[in-house]
Amino acid sequence: MALFVAIMTAIFQQLTGVSAVAYYAPLIFKDAGAGTDSALIETVLIGLVKVLFVVVFMFLVDRVGRKKLLIYGAAGMAFCLFVLAYAFAQNPITKFFDMLIILMVVLHTVSFELSWGGGAWVLISEIFPNRIRGRASSLASCSLWIATYAVTQLFPIMLAKLGSIGTYIVFGAFCVIMALFTHFFLHETAGKSLEQIQEDTANGNKN
């Protein structure tokens, strides 16, 4: 069960669409009507937001708890992605919706960095017993990078086949599934020893 949870958590981290947003941010902003220079500036803004909220996550992860952050983060990203789909459905995309798209991309990044960005790695490092931690963590990490490659390769294809609207709806749906997965399958690890975490995993205790 611990290995299943870790691998699914690793894969889900990328099904938030965060790598696609990061790698293709200039394309997203240009689709929203921004010029090339504006798109690059807005992409730099996303990078600064990522750095800032990684630091904030470090202060919250033990105080709020891993499980709550993952659930709230997934819900926040789902909201942003559904709003993005709505904004891209406008024809033409007015200045208001251009600003809304930028805001939603920023808030999506904030939600990710405060939850699944670091939370997935923290969880993977904590839920395995010592005798298998190295091998099991390696499998989970490998799953994460395979998912990263798959999402970044599929994102432009999805944009071409589904359009911006369908693409963001798909990622938003995954975020809803992630919130439900976290609620039903993950147990809280904050403030617990490795022995307590392993006992909770074996007994199915989610608190």
Protein backbone atom coordinates (compact mmCIF):
# COMPACT_ATOMS: atom_id res chain seq x y z
CA MET A 1 0.00 0.00 0.00
CA ALA A 2 2.81 2.42 0.83
CA LEU A 3 4.43 1.81 -2.56
CA PHE A 4 1.08 2.24 -4.34
CA VAL A 5 0.42 5.53 -2.53
CA ALA A 6 3.94 6.82 -3.24
CA ILE A 7 3.85 5.99 -6.96
CA MET A 8 0.37 7.46 -7.41
CA THR A 9 1.40 10.59 -5.49
CA ALA A 10 4.44 10.96 -7.74
CA ILE A 11 2.40 10.56 -10.92
CA PHE A 12 -0.37 12.85 -9.68
CA GLN A 13 2.16 15.59 -8.97
CA GLN A 14 2.67 15.90 -12.72
CA LEU A 15 -0.98 15.44 -13.65
CA THR A 16 -1.55 18.84 -12.07
CA GLY A 17 -0.19 20.16 -15.37
CA VAL A 18 2.48 22.16 -13.59
CA SER A 19 5.34 21.08 -15.85
CA ALA A 20 3.27 21.85 -18.92
CA VAL A 21 2.42 25.29 -17.53
CA ALA A 22 6.06 25.95 -16.65
CA TYR A 23 7.59 24.77 -19.93
CA TYR A 24 4.92 26.24 -22.19
CA ALA A 25 4.09 29.41 -20.24
CA PRO A 26 5.16 31.76 -23.08
CA LEU A 27 2.90 29.84 -25.48
CA ILE A 28 -0.01 30.01 -23.03
CA PHE A 29 0.39 33.75 -22.56
CA LYS A 30 0.72 34.33 -26.30
CA ASP A 31 -2.49 32.36 -26.87
CA ALA A 32 -4.10 34.70 -24.36
CA GLY A 33 -3.09 37.67 -26.48
CA ALA A 34 0.18 38.78 -24.91
CA GLY A 35 3.06 39.90 -27.11
CA THR A 36 6.32 37.98 -27.17
CA ASP A 37 8.07 40.35 -24.72
CA SER A 38 5.07 40.40 -22.37
CA ALA A 39 4.83 36.61 -22.47
CA LEU A 40 8.49 36.25 -21.47
CA ILE A 41 8.11 38.79 -18.65
CA GLU A 42 5.05 36.95 -17.34
CA THR A 43 7.00 33.68 -17.49
CA VAL A 44 9.73 35.23 -15.33
CA LEU A 45 6.98 36.26 -12.90
CA ILE A 46 5.91 32.62 -12.63
CA GLY A 47 9.49 31.64 -11.77
CA LEU A 48 9.69 34.23 -9.01
CA VAL A 49 6.36 33.07 -7.59
CA LYS A 50 7.64 29.47 -7.52
CA VAL A 51 10.75 30.44 -5.56
CA LEU A 52 8.80 32.56 -3.06
CA PHE A 53 6.14 29.98 -2.26
CA VAL A 54 8.59 27.09 -1.95
CA VAL A 55 9.93 29.03 1.06
CA VAL A 56 6.38 29.56 2.39
CA PHE A 57 5.72 25.81 2.03
CA MET A 58 8.69 25.05 4.26
CA PHE A 59 7.01 26.96 7.10
CA LEU A 60 3.55 25.46 6.54
CA VAL A 61 4.20 21.78 5.91
CA ASP A 62 4.64 20.82 9.58
CA ARG A 63 2.14 23.32 10.99
CA VAL A 64 -0.78 22.60 8.65
CA GLY A 65 0.03 18.99 7.80
CA ARG A 66 0.79 17.17 4.58
CA LYS A 67 -2.69 15.81 3.95
CA LYS A 68 -4.53 19.13 4.30
CA LEU A 69 -2.04 20.93 2.08
CA LEU A 70 -2.36 18.26 -0.62
CA ILE A 71 -6.17 18.37 -0.54
CA TYR A 72 -6.41 22.16 -0.50
CA GLY A 73 -3.71 22.45 -3.16
CA ALA A 74 -5.46 20.02 -5.49
CA ALA A 75 -8.77 21.84 -5.01
CA GLY A 76 -7.10 25.20 -5.66
CA MET A 77 -5.45 23.96 -8.85
CA ALA A 78 -8.70 22.41 -10.07
CA PHE A 79 -10.45 25.76 -9.62
CA CYS A 80 -7.69 27.61 -11.51
CA LEU A 81 -7.69 25.13 -14.38
CA PHE A 82 -11.47 25.23 -14.80
CA VAL A 83 -11.40 29.03 -14.79
CA LEU A 84 -8.59 28.91 -17.38
CA ALA A 85 -10.77 26.71 -19.58
CA TYR A 86 -13.62 29.22 -19.22
CA ALA A 87 -11.34 32.16 -20.00
CA PHE A 88 -9.93 30.53 -23.13
CA ALA A 89 -13.49 29.80 -24.27
CA GLN A 90 -14.09 33.54 -24.73
CA ASN A 91 -13.94 34.83 -28.27
CA PRO A 92 -12.33 37.26 -28.50
CA ILE A 93 -10.21 37.14 -25.35
CA THR A 94 -10.55 40.63 -23.96
CA LYS A 95 -8.05 42.43 -21.74
CA PHE A 96 -10.05 41.34 -18.68
CA PHE A 97 -9.76 37.66 -19.59
CA ASP A 98 -6.11 38.15 -20.52
CA MET A 99 -5.48 39.37 -16.97
CA LEU A 100 -7.67 36.57 -15.58
CA ILE A 101 -5.56 33.98 -17.41
CA ILE A 102 -2.36 35.42 -15.97
CA LEU A 103 -3.90 35.48 -12.48
CA MET A 104 -5.09 31.85 -12.73
CA VAL A 105 -1.68 30.64 -13.95
CA VAL A 106 -0.04 32.43 -11.02
CA LEU A 107 -2.57 31.03 -8.52
CA HIS A 108 -2.17 27.55 -10.01
CA THR A 109 1.59 27.86 -9.43
CA VAL A 110 1.03 29.10 -5.87
CA SER A 111 -1.35 26.21 -5.11
CA PHE A 112 1.15 23.71 -6.50
CA GLU A 113 4.16 25.05 -4.62
CA LEU A 114 2.21 25.15 -1.35
CA SER A 115 1.12 21.54 -1.70
CA TRP A 116 2.13 18.94 -4.29
CA GLY A 117 5.37 20.66 -5.29
CA GLY A 118 7.20 19.75 -2.10
CA GLY A 119 4.49 17.70 -0.41
CA ALA A 120 4.83 14.75 -2.77
CA TRP A 121 8.58 14.53 -2.10
CA VAL A 122 8.08 14.84 1.67
CA LEU A 123 5.46 12.10 1.68
CA ILE A 124 7.57 9.76 -0.45
CA SER A 125 10.50 10.18 1.96
CA GLU A 126 8.42 9.36 5.04
CA ILE A 127 6.05 6.47 4.37
CA PHE A 128 8.48 3.59 3.80
CA PRO A 129 10.17 1.43 6.43
CA ASN A 130 13.94 1.79 6.60
CA ARG A 131 14.68 -1.61 5.08
CA ILE A 132 13.11 -0.68 1.72
CA ARG A 133 13.15 3.13 1.78
CA GLY A 134 15.98 3.53 -0.73
CA ARG A 135 14.59 1.17 -3.35
CA ALA A 136 10.95 2.19 -2.90
CA SER A 137 11.74 5.91 -2.99
CA SER A 138 13.75 5.34 -6.16
CA LEU A 139 10.78 3.65 -7.82
CA ALA A 140 8.49 6.53 -6.83
CA SER A 141 11.01 9.11 -8.06
CA CYS A 142 11.39 7.23 -11.35
CA SER A 143 7.60 7.25 -11.75
CA LEU A 144 7.54 11.00 -11.19
CA TRP A 145 10.12 11.76 -13.88
CA ILE A 146 8.46 9.41 -16.37
CA ALA A 147 5.19 11.25 -15.71
CA THR A 148 7.02 14.57 -16.17
CA TYR A 149 8.32 13.47 -19.56
CA ALA A 150 4.92 12.13 -20.63
CA VAL A 151 3.01 15.27 -19.65
CA THR A 152 5.46 17.68 -21.28
CA GLN A 153 5.43 15.62 -24.49
CA LEU A 154 1.66 15.25 -24.55
CA PHE A 155 0.78 18.84 -23.64
CA PRO A 156 1.33 20.36 -27.13
CA ILE A 157 -0.51 17.39 -28.67
CA MET A 158 -3.41 17.95 -26.29
CA LEU A 159 -3.48 21.63 -27.20
CA ALA A 160 -3.60 20.72 -30.89
CA LYS A 161 -6.25 18.00 -30.52
CA LEU A 162 -8.38 19.23 -27.61
CA GLY A 163 -7.65 22.93 -27.69
CA SER A 164 -6.87 25.02 -24.62
CA ILE A 165 -10.35 24.50 -23.19
CA GLY A 166 -10.30 20.69 -23.32
CA THR A 167 -6.69 20.51 -22.14
CA TYR A 168 -7.33 22.52 -18.97
CA ILE A 169 -10.54 20.65 -18.24
CA VAL A 170 -8.63 17.35 -18.38
CA PHE A 171 -5.93 18.60 -15.97
CA GLY A 172 -8.62 20.11 -13.72
CA ALA A 173 -10.42 16.76 -13.57
CA PHE A 174 -7.17 15.07 -12.56
CA CYS A 175 -6.81 17.58 -9.71
CA VAL A 176 -10.29 16.69 -8.45
CA ILE A 177 -9.31 13.00 -8.54
CA MET A 178 -6.11 13.87 -6.65
CA ALA A 179 -8.06 15.56 -3.85
CA LEU A 180 -10.29 12.49 -3.50
CA PHE A 181 -7.30 10.13 -3.62
CA THR A 182 -5.58 12.12 -0.87
CA HIS A 183 -8.70 12.07 1.31
CA PHE A 184 -9.28 8.33 1.03
CA PHE A 185 -5.78 6.85 0.71
CA LEU A 186 -3.26 9.12 2.43
CA HIS A 187 -2.67 9.28 6.16
CA GLU A 188 -1.22 12.30 7.93
CA THR A 189 2.50 11.97 8.61
CA ALA A 190 3.22 15.37 10.21
CA GLY A 191 4.51 15.17 13.78
CA LYS A 192 4.81 11.38 13.75
CA SER A 193 7.81 9.11 14.05
CA LEU A 194 8.70 6.74 11.21
CA GLU A 195 7.44 3.85 13.35
CA GLN A 196 4.05 5.56 13.85
CA ILE A 197 3.78 6.30 10.12
CA GLN A 198 4.47 2.67 9.23
CA GLU A 199 1.89 1.48 11.79
CA ASP A 200 -0.72 3.89 10.38
CA THR A 201 0.00 2.67 6.85
CA ALA A 202 -0.37 -0.97 7.90
CA ASN A 203 -3.61 -0.30 9.83
CA GLY A 204 -5.14 2.04 7.27
CA ASN A 205 -5.36 4.94 9.74
CA LYS A 206 -5.89 8.17 7.76
CA ASN A 207 -5.57 10.67 10.66
